[in-house]
Amino acid sequence: MTDTPPDRLSVDARSPFFNEEVLAKGIGIRFNGRNRTDVLEYSVSEGWILVAAGKSRDRYGNPMTTRIKGTVEPFFDQAMGVAKPDAPSA
């Protein structure tokens, strides 16, 4: 795995841009100079992020989303990474 985040990434497992390894490493998004924690998908080359639009849901229970355009800067964040549980001791 490289030290640079991918150009496009999604947290939805059904998306072709889902990458569990990168998400487990921990990734943060700086959008227009502000750190965002509510990003569902992003594209650096196209310059947009996908975020939930309030608490509304579609008929399948998925969040309604909106696409916001701007400057997207992904970065690896160790604090956001998924901690792997230690093996139980016998």
C-alpha atoms as a PDB file:
ATOM      1  CA  MET A   1       0.000   0.000   0.000  1.00  0.00           C
ATOM      2  CA  THR A   2       1.300   3.478  -0.820  1.00  0.00           C
ATOM      3  CA  ASP A   3       1.597   6.467   1.494  1.00  0.00           C
ATOM      4  CA  THR A   4      -0.853   8.538  -0.552  1.00  0.00           C
ATOM      5  CA  PRO A   5      -4.616   8.058  -0.239  1.00  0.00           C
ATOM      6  CA  PRO A   6      -6.559   6.951  -3.326  1.00  0.00           C
ATOM      7  CA  ASP A   7      -8.094   9.485  -5.714  1.00  0.00           C
ATOM      8  CA  ARG A   8     -11.598   8.210  -4.950  1.00  0.00           C
ATOM      9  CA  LEU A   9     -12.859   6.273  -1.930  1.00  0.00           C
ATOM     10  CA  SER A  10     -16.223   5.235  -0.509  1.00  0.00           C
ATOM     11  CA  VAL A  11     -17.276   3.865   2.886  1.00  0.00           C
ATOM     12  CA  ASP A  12     -20.186   1.949   1.295  1.00  0.00           C
ATOM     13  CA  ALA A  13     -19.256  -1.723   0.843  1.00  0.00           C
ATOM     14  CA  ARG A  14     -21.466  -1.962  -2.277  1.00  0.00           C
ATOM     15  CA  SER A  15     -19.478   0.726  -4.092  1.00  0.00           C
ATOM     16  CA  PRO A  16     -16.716  -0.202  -6.563  1.00  0.00           C
ATOM     17  CA  PHE A  17     -14.569   2.464  -4.828  1.00  0.00           C
ATOM     18  CA  PHE A  18     -14.732   0.743  -1.406  1.00  0.00           C
ATOM     19  CA  ASN A  19     -11.304  -0.271  -0.060  1.00  0.00           C
ATOM     20  CA  GLU A  20     -11.292  -1.918   3.350  1.00  0.00           C
ATOM     21  CA  GLU A  21      -7.493  -1.792   3.753  1.00  0.00           C
ATOM     22  CA  VAL A  22      -7.364   1.990   3.323  1.00  0.00           C
ATOM     23  CA  LEU A  23     -10.336   2.553   5.626  1.00  0.00           C
ATOM     24  CA  ALA A  24      -8.770   0.322   8.306  1.00  0.00           C
ATOM     25  CA  LYS A  25      -5.588   2.377   8.126  1.00  0.00           C
ATOM     26  CA  GLY A  26      -7.603   5.504   8.941  1.00  0.00           C
ATOM     27  CA  ILE A  27      -8.270   8.318   6.514  1.00  0.00           C
ATOM     28  CA  GLY A  28      -9.266  11.909   7.121  1.00  0.00           C
ATOM     29  CA  ILE A  29     -10.707  14.467   4.707  1.00  0.00           C
ATOM     30  CA  ARG A  30      -9.884  18.149   4.640  1.00  0.00           C
ATOM     31  CA  PHE A  31     -12.541  19.895   2.551  1.00  0.00           C
ATOM     32  CA  ASN A  32     -12.055  23.586   1.705  1.00  0.00           C
ATOM     33  CA  GLY A  33      -9.497  23.846   4.523  1.00  0.00           C
ATOM     34  CA  ARG A  34     -11.753  22.282   7.189  1.00  0.00           C
ATOM     35  CA  ASN A  35     -11.548  18.722   8.544  1.00  0.00           C
ATOM     36  CA  ARG A  36     -14.729  16.730   7.905  1.00  0.00           C
ATOM     37  CA  THR A  37     -15.764  13.535   9.655  1.00  0.00           C
ATOM     38  CA  ASP A  38     -19.122  12.990   7.906  1.00  0.00           C
ATOM     39  CA  VAL A  39     -17.851  12.163   4.394  1.00  0.00           C
ATOM     40  CA  LEU A  40     -19.355   9.043   2.782  1.00  0.00           C
ATOM     41  CA  GLU A  41     -17.407   9.240  -0.493  1.00  0.00           C
ATOM     42  CA  TYR A  42     -14.909  11.610  -2.085  1.00  0.00           C
ATOM     43  CA  SER A  43     -13.169  12.277  -5.386  1.00  0.00           C
ATOM     44  CA  VAL A  44     -10.027  14.409  -5.462  1.00  0.00           C
ATOM     45  CA  SER A  45      -9.776  14.709  -9.268  1.00  0.00           C
ATOM     46  CA  GLU A  46     -13.430  15.719  -9.667  1.00  0.00           C
ATOM     47  CA  GLY A  47     -13.369  17.920  -6.532  1.00  0.00           C
ATOM     48  CA  TRP A  48     -16.410  16.742  -4.557  1.00  0.00           C
ATOM     49  CA  ILE A  49     -17.497  14.941  -1.403  1.00  0.00           C
ATOM     50  CA  LEU A  50     -20.688  13.033  -0.700  1.00  0.00           C
ATOM     51  CA  VAL A  51     -22.311  13.640   2.693  1.00  0.00           C
ATOM     52  CA  ALA A  52     -25.580  12.632   4.343  1.00  0.00           C
ATOM     53  CA  ALA A  53     -28.362  15.199   3.988  1.00  0.00           C
ATOM     54  CA  GLY A  54     -29.605  15.443   7.563  1.00  0.00           C
ATOM     55  CA  LYS A  55     -31.309  12.440   9.104  1.00  0.00           C
ATOM     56  CA  SER A  56     -33.511  11.605   6.110  1.00  0.00           C
ATOM     57  CA  ARG A  57     -33.398   8.080   4.697  1.00  0.00           C
ATOM     58  CA  ASP A  58     -34.504   6.513   1.431  1.00  0.00           C
ATOM     59  CA  ARG A  59     -36.973   3.640   1.317  1.00  0.00           C
ATOM     60  CA  TYR A  60     -34.155   1.111   1.757  1.00  0.00           C
ATOM     61  CA  GLY A  61     -32.839   2.756   4.932  1.00  0.00           C
ATOM     62  CA  ASN A  62     -29.785   4.332   3.318  1.00  0.00           C
ATOM     63  CA  PRO A  63     -29.022   7.990   4.092  1.00  0.00           C
ATOM     64  CA  MET A  64     -30.090  10.591   1.542  1.00  0.00           C
ATOM     65  CA  THR A  65     -26.919  12.221   0.245  1.00  0.00           C
ATOM     66  CA  THR A  66     -25.787  15.458  -1.316  1.00  0.00           C
ATOM     67  CA  ARG A  67     -22.660  16.177  -3.344  1.00  0.00           C
ATOM     68  CA  ILE A  68     -20.647  19.256  -2.394  1.00  0.00           C
ATOM     69  CA  LYS A  69     -17.966  20.673  -4.706  1.00  0.00           C
ATOM     70  CA  GLY A  70     -14.704  22.142  -3.466  1.00  0.00           C
ATOM     71  CA  THR A  71     -11.077  21.350  -2.673  1.00  0.00           C
ATOM     72  CA  VAL A  72     -10.634  17.800  -1.345  1.00  0.00           C
ATOM     73  CA  GLU A  73      -7.460  16.816   0.520  1.00  0.00           C
ATOM     74  CA  PRO A  74      -7.415  13.235   1.884  1.00  0.00           C
ATOM     75  CA  PHE A  75      -4.781  12.256   4.452  1.00  0.00           C
ATOM     76  CA  PHE A  76      -3.960   9.235   6.568  1.00  0.00           C
ATOM     77  CA  ASP A  77      -4.891   9.752  10.210  1.00  0.00           C
ATOM     78  CA  GLN A  78      -3.591   7.209  12.738  1.00  0.00           C
ATOM     79  CA  ALA A  79      -6.179   8.276  15.337  1.00  0.00           C
ATOM     80  CA  MET A  80      -9.034   7.306  12.989  1.00  0.00           C
ATOM     81  CA  GLY A  81      -7.649   3.855  12.162  1.00  0.00           C
ATOM     82  CA  VAL A  82      -9.488   0.757  13.285  1.00  0.00           C
ATOM     83  CA  ALA A  83      -7.756  -0.848  16.249  1.00  0.00           C
ATOM     84  CA  LYS A  84      -7.135  -4.543  15.742  1.00  0.00           C
ATOM     85  CA  PRO A  85      -7.953  -6.620  18.803  1.00  0.00           C
ATOM     86  CA  ASP A  86      -5.141  -8.517  20.454  1.00  0.00           C
ATOM     87  CA  ALA A  87      -5.211 -12.275  20.462  1.00  0.00           C
ATOM     88  CA  PRO A  88      -6.727 -13.635  23.661  1.00  0.00           C
ATOM     89  CA  SER A  89      -4.201 -15.079  26.042  1.00  0.00           C
ATOM     90  CA  ALA A  90      -4.704 -18.618  27.270  1.00  0.00           C
END
